[in-house]
Amino acid sequence: MDDDVERLRSLLLAMSEVDVEAAEYLKLRAQLIFELVRMHAEQDLLERLRPIQDQVDRMGARDPDFDLKRFMDAGWE
């Protein structure tokens, strides 16, 4: 989380005297997390995969001579 946002969050909690251990706070927190997960799940799969595909593209072309088995075996020696 951005440092400024974290400081503002901490300040807001301190000023509002919110008991972060209270059941109401924990329930609200759980509801917010649930809603974020639900909204994320509604995103199109291709839209969610785009950042990963972009990273793979930036890695460049794959080495056709790379032997994954030999590489993994060498790691066990």
PDB file of N, CA and C in Angstrom:
ATOM      1  N   MET A   1       0.855  -1.177   0.000  1.00  0.00           N
ATOM      2  CA  MET A   1       0.000   0.000   0.000  1.00  0.00           C
ATOM      3  C   MET A   1       0.896   1.233   0.000  1.00  0.00           C
ATOM      4  N   ASP A   2       0.483   2.244  -0.687  1.00  0.00           N
ATOM      5  CA  ASP A   2       1.208   3.499  -0.750  1.00  0.00           C
ATOM      6  C   ASP A   2       1.401   4.042   0.665  1.00  0.00           C
ATOM      7  N   ASP A   3       2.597   4.571   0.964  1.00  0.00           N
ATOM      8  CA  ASP A   3       2.894   5.069   2.307  1.00  0.00           C
ATOM      9  C   ASP A   3       1.924   6.170   2.750  1.00  0.00           C
ATOM     10  N   ASP A   4       1.592   7.082   1.840  1.00  0.00           N
ATOM     11  CA  ASP A   4       0.665   8.165   2.183  1.00  0.00           C
ATOM     12  C   ASP A   4      -0.714   7.612   2.541  1.00  0.00           C
ATOM     13  N   VAL A   5      -1.163   6.657   1.762  1.00  0.00           N
ATOM     14  CA  VAL A   5      -2.471   6.063   2.021  1.00  0.00           C
ATOM     15  C   VAL A   5      -2.459   5.344   3.371  1.00  0.00           C
ATOM     16  N   GLU A   6      -1.376   4.627   3.640  1.00  0.00           N
ATOM     17  CA  GLU A   6      -1.259   3.914   4.921  1.00  0.00           C
ATOM     18  C   GLU A   6      -1.261   4.895   6.097  1.00  0.00           C
ATOM     19  N   ARG A   7      -0.534   6.000   5.965  1.00  0.00           N
ATOM     20  CA  ARG A   7      -0.522   7.012   7.030  1.00  0.00           C
ATOM     21  C   ARG A   7      -1.911   7.618   7.234  1.00  0.00           C
ATOM     22  N   LEU A   8      -2.597   7.912   6.137  1.00  0.00           N
ATOM     23  CA  LEU A   8      -3.946   8.464   6.241  1.00  0.00           C
ATOM     24  C   LEU A   8      -4.906   7.467   6.884  1.00  0.00           C
ATOM     25  N   ARG A   9      -4.771   6.209   6.511  1.00  0.00           N
ATOM     26  CA  ARG A   9      -5.618   5.172   7.105  1.00  0.00           C
ATOM     27  C   ARG A   9      -5.375   5.084   8.604  1.00  0.00           C
ATOM     28  N   SER A  10      -4.109   5.073   8.996  1.00  0.00           N
ATOM     29  CA  SER A  10      -3.766   4.999  10.424  1.00  0.00           C
ATOM     30  C   SER A  10      -4.284   6.216  11.179  1.00  0.00           C
ATOM     31  N   LEU A  11      -4.132   7.389  10.575  1.00  0.00           N
ATOM     32  CA  LEU A  11      -4.609   8.620  11.203  1.00  0.00           C
ATOM     33  C   LEU A  11      -6.126   8.598  11.359  1.00  0.00           C
ATOM     34  N   LEU A  12      -6.816   8.174  10.321  1.00  0.00           N
ATOM     35  CA  LEU A  12      -8.273   8.102  10.376  1.00  0.00           C
ATOM     36  C   LEU A  12      -8.732   7.138  11.466  1.00  0.00           C
ATOM     37  N   LEU A  13      -8.093   5.977  11.546  1.00  0.00           N
ATOM     38  CA  LEU A  13      -8.463   5.010  12.583  1.00  0.00           C
ATOM     39  C   LEU A  13      -8.208   5.582  13.971  1.00  0.00           C
ATOM     40  N   ALA A  14      -7.077   6.262  14.141  1.00  0.00           N
ATOM     41  CA  ALA A  14      -6.746   6.837  15.448  1.00  0.00           C
ATOM     42  C   ALA A  14      -7.716   7.943  15.825  1.00  0.00           C
ATOM     43  N   MET A  15      -8.036   8.811  14.885  1.00  0.00           N
ATOM     44  CA  MET A  15      -8.929   9.938  15.174  1.00  0.00           C
ATOM     45  C   MET A  15     -10.358   9.472  15.420  1.00  0.00           C
ATOM     46  N   SER A  16     -10.781   8.424  14.755  1.00  0.00           N
ATOM     47  CA  SER A  16     -12.159   7.962  14.925  1.00  0.00           C
ATOM     48  C   SER A  16     -12.283   6.998  16.088  1.00  0.00           C
ATOM     49  N   GLU A  17     -11.156   6.688  16.724  1.00  0.00           N
ATOM     50  CA  GLU A  17     -11.126   5.783  17.866  1.00  0.00           C
ATOM     51  C   GLU A  17     -11.811   4.464  17.551  1.00  0.00           C
ATOM     52  N   VAL A  18     -11.540   3.947  16.355  1.00  0.00           N
ATOM     53  CA  VAL A  18     -12.105   2.675  15.938  1.00  0.00           C
ATOM     54  C   VAL A  18     -11.338   1.554  16.617  1.00  0.00           C
ATOM     55  N   ASP A  19     -12.072   0.641  17.217  1.00  0.00           N
ATOM     56  CA  ASP A  19     -11.457  -0.526  17.834  1.00  0.00           C
ATOM     57  C   ASP A  19     -11.314  -1.588  16.753  1.00  0.00           C
ATOM     58  N   VAL A  20     -10.080  -1.761  16.258  1.00  0.00           N
ATOM     59  CA  VAL A  20      -9.862  -2.681  15.144  1.00  0.00           C
ATOM     60  C   VAL A  20     -10.027  -4.139  15.559  1.00  0.00           C
ATOM     61  N   GLU A  21     -10.192  -4.393  16.839  1.00  0.00           N
ATOM     62  CA  GLU A  21     -10.441  -5.750  17.304  1.00  0.00           C
ATOM     63  C   GLU A  21     -11.937  -6.016  17.489  1.00  0.00           C
ATOM     64  N   ALA A  22     -12.746  -4.982  17.387  1.00  0.00           N
ATOM     65  CA  ALA A  22     -14.190  -5.123  17.598  1.00  0.00           C
ATOM     66  C   ALA A  22     -14.809  -5.976  16.501  1.00  0.00           C
ATOM     67  N   ALA A  23     -15.855  -6.706  16.875  1.00  0.00           N
ATOM     68  CA  ALA A  23     -16.538  -7.592  15.935  1.00  0.00           C
ATOM     69  C   ALA A  23     -17.096  -6.824  14.747  1.00  0.00           C
ATOM     70  N   GLU A  24     -17.602  -5.598  14.969  1.00  0.00           N
ATOM     71  CA  GLU A  24     -18.181  -4.810  13.883  1.00  0.00           C
ATOM     72  C   GLU A  24     -17.114  -4.465  12.840  1.00  0.00           C
ATOM     73  N   TYR A  25     -15.936  -4.102  13.323  1.00  0.00           N
ATOM     74  CA  TYR A  25     -14.839  -3.762  12.409  1.00  0.00           C
ATOM     75  C   TYR A  25     -14.441  -4.989  11.600  1.00  0.00           C
ATOM     76  N   LEU A  26     -14.290  -6.120  12.280  1.00  0.00           N
ATOM     77  CA  LEU A  26     -13.878  -7.340  11.589  1.00  0.00           C
ATOM     78  C   LEU A  26     -14.928  -7.780  10.573  1.00  0.00           C
ATOM     79  N   LYS A  27     -16.199  -7.604  10.920  1.00  0.00           N
ATOM     80  CA  LYS A  27     -17.269  -7.960   9.989  1.00  0.00           C
ATOM     81  C   LYS A  27     -17.236  -7.055   8.760  1.00  0.00           C
ATOM     82  N   LEU A  28     -17.076  -5.758   8.974  1.00  0.00           N
ATOM     83  CA  LEU A  28     -16.992  -4.806   7.863  1.00  0.00           C
ATOM     84  C   LEU A  28     -15.784  -5.115   6.987  1.00  0.00           C
ATOM     85  N   ARG A  29     -14.660  -5.402   7.621  1.00  0.00           N
ATOM     86  CA  ARG A  29     -13.442  -5.734   6.869  1.00  0.00           C
ATOM     87  C   ARG A  29     -13.674  -6.967   5.995  1.00  0.00           C
ATOM     88  N   ALA A  30     -14.304  -7.985   6.566  1.00  0.00           N
ATOM     89  CA  ALA A  30     -14.586  -9.210   5.813  1.00  0.00           C
ATOM     90  C   ALA A  30     -15.519  -8.929   4.635  1.00  0.00           C
ATOM     91  N   GLN A  31     -16.510  -8.076   4.848  1.00  0.00           N
ATOM     92  CA  GLN A  31     -17.436  -7.733   3.764  1.00  0.00           C
ATOM     93  C   GLN A  31     -16.724  -6.985   2.642  1.00  0.00           C
ATOM     94  N   LEU A  32     -15.833  -6.076   3.003  1.00  0.00           N
ATOM     95  CA  LEU A  32     -15.083  -5.330   1.989  1.00  0.00           C
ATOM     96  C   LEU A  32     -14.181  -6.259   1.180  1.00  0.00           C
ATOM     97  N   ILE A  33     -13.500  -7.163   1.859  1.00  0.00           N
ATOM     98  CA  ILE A  33     -12.632  -8.119   1.161  1.00  0.00           C
ATOM     99  C   ILE A  33     -13.462  -9.004   0.244  1.00  0.00           C
ATOM    100  N   PHE A  34     -14.604  -9.493   0.730  1.00  0.00           N
ATOM    101  CA  PHE A  34     -15.479 -10.328  -0.085  1.00  0.00           C
ATOM    102  C   PHE A  34     -15.913  -9.589  -1.344  1.00  0.00           C
ATOM    103  N   GLU A  35     -16.282  -8.326  -1.202  1.00  0.00           N
ATOM    104  CA  GLU A  35     -16.735  -7.542  -2.350  1.00  0.00           C
ATOM    105  C   GLU A  35     -15.604  -7.328  -3.356  1.00  0.00           C
ATOM    106  N   LEU A  36     -14.394  -7.066  -2.871  1.00  0.00           N
ATOM    107  CA  LEU A  36     -13.256  -6.902  -3.774  1.00  0.00           C
ATOM    108  C   LEU A  36     -12.971  -8.191  -4.542  1.00  0.00           C
ATOM    109  N   VAL A  37     -13.032  -9.312  -3.856  1.00  0.00           N
ATOM    110  CA  VAL A  37     -12.799 -10.605  -4.520  1.00  0.00           C
ATOM    111  C   VAL A  37     -13.883 -10.862  -5.551  1.00  0.00           C
ATOM    112  N   ARG A  38     -15.126 -10.574  -5.203  1.00  0.00           N
ATOM    113  CA  ARG A  38     -16.240 -10.782  -6.135  1.00  0.00           C
ATOM    114  C   ARG A  38     -16.075  -9.932  -7.388  1.00  0.00           C
ATOM    115  N   MET A  39     -15.719  -8.659  -7.194  1.00  0.00           N
ATOM    116  CA  MET A  39     -15.544  -7.768  -8.341  1.00  0.00           C
ATOM    117  C   MET A  39     -14.374  -8.220  -9.209  1.00  0.00           C
ATOM    118  N   HIS A  40     -13.310  -8.675  -8.575  1.00  0.00           N
ATOM    119  CA  HIS A  40     -12.148  -9.148  -9.333  1.00  0.00           C
ATOM    120  C   HIS A  40     -12.521 -10.388 -10.150  1.00  0.00           C
ATOM    121  N   ALA A  41     -13.315 -11.272  -9.569  1.00  0.00           N
ATOM    122  CA  ALA A  41     -13.712 -12.493 -10.263  1.00  0.00           C
ATOM    123  C   ALA A  41     -14.602 -12.194 -11.465  1.00  0.00           C
ATOM    124  N   GLU A  42     -15.307 -11.079 -11.436  1.00  0.00           N
ATOM    125  CA  GLU A  42     -16.176 -10.717 -12.548  1.00  0.00           C
ATOM    126  C   GLU A  42     -15.409 -10.189 -13.751  1.00  0.00           C
ATOM    127  N   GLN A  43     -14.153  -9.821 -13.550  1.00  0.00           N
ATOM    128  CA  GLN A  43     -13.359  -9.323 -14.675  1.00  0.00           C
ATOM    129  C   GLN A  43     -13.201 -10.431 -15.707  1.00  0.00           C
ATOM    130  N   ASP A  44     -13.135 -10.044 -16.932  1.00  0.00           N
ATOM    131  CA  ASP A  44     -12.911 -10.976 -18.016  1.00  0.00           C
ATOM    132  C   ASP A  44     -11.567 -11.673 -17.818  1.00  0.00           C
ATOM    133  N   LEU A  45     -11.528 -12.978 -18.036  1.00  0.00           N
ATOM    134  CA  LEU A  45     -10.303 -13.740 -17.839  1.00  0.00           C
ATOM    135  C   LEU A  45      -9.153 -13.178 -18.667  1.00  0.00           C
ATOM    136  N   LEU A  46      -9.408 -12.841 -19.910  1.00  0.00           N
ATOM    137  CA  LEU A  46      -8.347 -12.304 -20.755  1.00  0.00           C
ATOM    138  C   LEU A  46      -7.819 -10.979 -20.215  1.00  0.00           C
ATOM    139  N   GLU A  47      -8.709 -10.182 -19.623  1.00  0.00           N
ATOM    140  CA  GLU A  47      -8.299  -8.915 -19.028  1.00  0.00           C
ATOM    141  C   GLU A  47      -7.389  -9.166 -17.822  1.00  0.00           C
ATOM    142  N   ARG A  48      -7.714 -10.199 -17.026  1.00  0.00           N
ATOM    143  CA  ARG A  48      -6.889 -10.519 -15.861  1.00  0.00           C
ATOM    144  C   ARG A  48      -5.539 -11.112 -16.255  1.00  0.00           C
ATOM    145  N   LEU A  49      -5.518 -11.804 -17.382  1.00  0.00           N
ATOM    146  CA  LEU A  49      -4.275 -12.439 -17.832  1.00  0.00           C
ATOM    147  C   LEU A  49      -3.354 -11.485 -18.587  1.00  0.00           C
ATOM    148  N   ARG A  50      -3.866 -10.369 -19.056  1.00  0.00           N
ATOM    149  CA  ARG A  50      -3.086  -9.433 -19.863  1.00  0.00           C
ATOM    150  C   ARG A  50      -1.773  -9.023 -19.202  1.00  0.00           C
ATOM    151  N   PRO A  51      -1.710  -8.660 -17.903  1.00  0.00           N
ATOM    152  CA  PRO A  51      -0.422  -8.287 -17.304  1.00  0.00           C
ATOM    153  C   PRO A  51       0.602  -9.421 -17.342  1.00  0.00           C
ATOM    154  N   ILE A  52       0.141 -10.653 -17.180  1.00  0.00           N
ATOM    155  CA  ILE A  52       1.053 -11.798 -17.234  1.00  0.00           C
ATOM    156  C   ILE A  52       1.557 -11.987 -18.658  1.00  0.00           C
ATOM    157  N   GLN A  53       0.665 -11.867 -19.628  1.00  0.00           N
ATOM    158  CA  GLN A  53       1.072 -12.000 -21.028  1.00  0.00           C
ATOM    159  C   GLN A  53       2.066 -10.909 -21.407  1.00  0.00           C
ATOM    160  N   ASP A  54       1.860  -9.710 -20.911  1.00  0.00           N
ATOM    161  CA  ASP A  54       2.790  -8.612 -21.191  1.00  0.00           C
ATOM    162  C   ASP A  54       4.173  -8.913 -20.621  1.00  0.00           C
ATOM    163  N   GLN A  55       4.222  -9.489 -19.420  1.00  0.00           N
ATOM    164  CA  GLN A  55       5.513  -9.846 -18.821  1.00  0.00           C
ATOM    165  C   GLN A  55       6.224 -10.895 -19.657  1.00  0.00           C
ATOM    166  N   VAL A  56       5.490 -11.884 -20.108  1.00  0.00           N
ATOM    167  CA  VAL A  56       6.079 -12.939 -20.941  1.00  0.00           C
ATOM    168  C   VAL A  56       6.614 -12.340 -22.233  1.00  0.00           C
ATOM    169  N   ASP A  57       5.869 -11.436 -22.832  1.00  0.00           N
ATOM    170  CA  ASP A  57       6.318 -10.776 -24.066  1.00  0.00           C
ATOM    171  C   ASP A  57       7.622 -10.011 -23.844  1.00  0.00           C
ATOM    172  N   ARG A  58       7.737  -9.344 -22.675  1.00  0.00           N
ATOM    173  CA  ARG A  58       8.950  -8.585 -22.381  1.00  0.00           C
ATOM    174  C   ARG A  58      10.161  -9.500 -22.162  1.00  0.00           C
ATOM    175  N   MET A  59       9.932 -10.749 -21.814  1.00  0.00           N
ATOM    176  CA  MET A  59      11.035 -11.696 -21.599  1.00  0.00           C
ATOM    177  C   MET A  59      11.715 -12.068 -22.916  1.00  0.00           C
ATOM    178  N   GLY A  60      11.014 -11.913 -24.003  1.00  0.00           N
ATOM    179  CA  GLY A  60      11.598 -12.192 -25.309  1.00  0.00           C
ATOM    180  C   GLY A  60      11.327 -13.617 -25.759  1.00  0.00           C
ATOM    181  N   ALA A  61      11.913 -13.921 -26.904  1.00  0.00           N
ATOM    182  CA  ALA A  61      11.700 -15.237 -27.504  1.00  0.00           C
ATOM    183  C   ALA A  61      12.354 -16.328 -26.656  1.00  0.00           C
ATOM    184  N   ARG A  62      11.755 -17.489 -26.679  1.00  0.00           N
ATOM    185  CA  ARG A  62      12.250 -18.623 -25.916  1.00  0.00           C
ATOM    186  C   ARG A  62      13.423 -19.258 -26.659  1.00  0.00           C
ATOM    187  N   ASP A  63      14.403 -19.757 -25.897  1.00  0.00           N
ATOM    188  CA  ASP A  63      15.585 -20.407 -26.471  1.00  0.00           C
ATOM    189  C   ASP A  63      15.196 -21.811 -26.932  1.00  0.00           C
ATOM    190  N   PRO A  64      15.242 -22.082 -28.238  1.00  0.00           N
ATOM    191  CA  PRO A  64      14.821 -23.400 -28.726  1.00  0.00           C
ATOM    192  C   PRO A  64      15.769 -24.519 -28.286  1.00  0.00           C
ATOM    193  N   ASP A  65      16.991 -24.184 -27.875  1.00  0.00           N
ATOM    194  CA  ASP A  65      17.956 -25.200 -27.459  1.00  0.00           C
ATOM    195  C   ASP A  65      17.922 -25.476 -25.956  1.00  0.00           C
ATOM    196  N   PHE A  66      17.067 -24.803 -25.222  1.00  0.00           N
ATOM    197  CA  PHE A  66      17.006 -24.983 -23.772  1.00  0.00           C
ATOM    198  C   PHE A  66      16.369 -26.321 -23.434  1.00  0.00           C
ATOM    199  N   ASP A  67      17.054 -27.106 -22.600  1.00  0.00           N
ATOM    200  CA  ASP A  67      16.567 -28.419 -22.175  1.00  0.00           C
ATOM    201  C   ASP A  67      16.156 -28.318 -20.703  1.00  0.00           C
ATOM    202  N   LEU A  68      14.859 -28.222 -20.467  1.00  0.00           N
ATOM    203  CA  LEU A  68      14.359 -28.041 -19.108  1.00  0.00           C
ATOM    204  C   LEU A  68      14.710 -29.235 -18.222  1.00  0.00           C
ATOM    205  N   LYS A  69      14.628 -30.447 -18.766  1.00  0.00           N
ATOM    206  CA  LYS A  69      14.952 -31.628 -17.962  1.00  0.00           C
ATOM    207  C   LYS A  69      16.396 -31.584 -17.508  1.00  0.00           C
ATOM    208  N   ARG A  70      17.311 -31.273 -18.402  1.00  0.00           N
ATOM    209  CA  ARG A  70      18.727 -31.194 -18.038  1.00  0.00           C
ATOM    210  C   ARG A  70      18.947 -30.095 -16.989  1.00  0.00           C
ATOM    211  N   PHE A  71      18.272 -28.968 -17.165  1.00  0.00           N
ATOM    212  CA  PHE A  71      18.373 -27.867 -16.225  1.00  0.00           C
ATOM    213  C   PHE A  71      17.885 -28.282 -14.834  1.00  0.00           C
ATOM    214  N   MET A  72      16.721 -28.947 -14.776  1.00  0.00           N
ATOM    215  CA  MET A  72      16.168 -29.384 -13.492  1.00  0.00           C
ATOM    216  C   MET A  72      17.046 -30.465 -12.860  1.00  0.00           C
ATOM    217  N   ASP A  73      17.552 -31.388 -13.665  1.00  0.00           N
ATOM    218  CA  ASP A  73      18.430 -32.435 -13.131  1.00  0.00           C
ATOM    219  C   ASP A  73      19.683 -31.851 -12.542  1.00  0.00           C
ATOM    220  N   ALA A  74      20.233 -30.825 -13.181  1.00  0.00           N
ATOM    221  CA  ALA A  74      21.451 -30.177 -12.669  1.00  0.00           C
ATOM    222  C   ALA A  74      21.188 -29.516 -11.317  1.00  0.00           C
ATOM    223  N   GLY A  75      19.988 -29.076 -11.091  1.00  0.00           N
ATOM    224  CA  GLY A  75      19.644 -28.454  -9.810  1.00  0.00           C
ATOM    225  C   GLY A  75      19.608 -29.453  -8.668  1.00  0.00           C
ATOM    226  N   TRP A  76      19.445 -30.731  -8.972  1.00  0.00           N
ATOM    227  CA  TRP A  76      19.401 -31.748  -7.938  1.00  0.00           C
ATOM    228  C   TRP A  76      20.775 -32.330  -7.636  1.00  0.00           C
ATOM    229  N   GLU A  77      21.759 -32.007  -8.454  1.00  0.00           N
ATOM    230  CA  GLU A  77      23.105 -32.572  -8.246  1.00  0.00           C
ATOM    231  C   GLU A  77      23.883 -31.782  -7.239  1.00  0.00           C
TER     232      GLU A  77
END
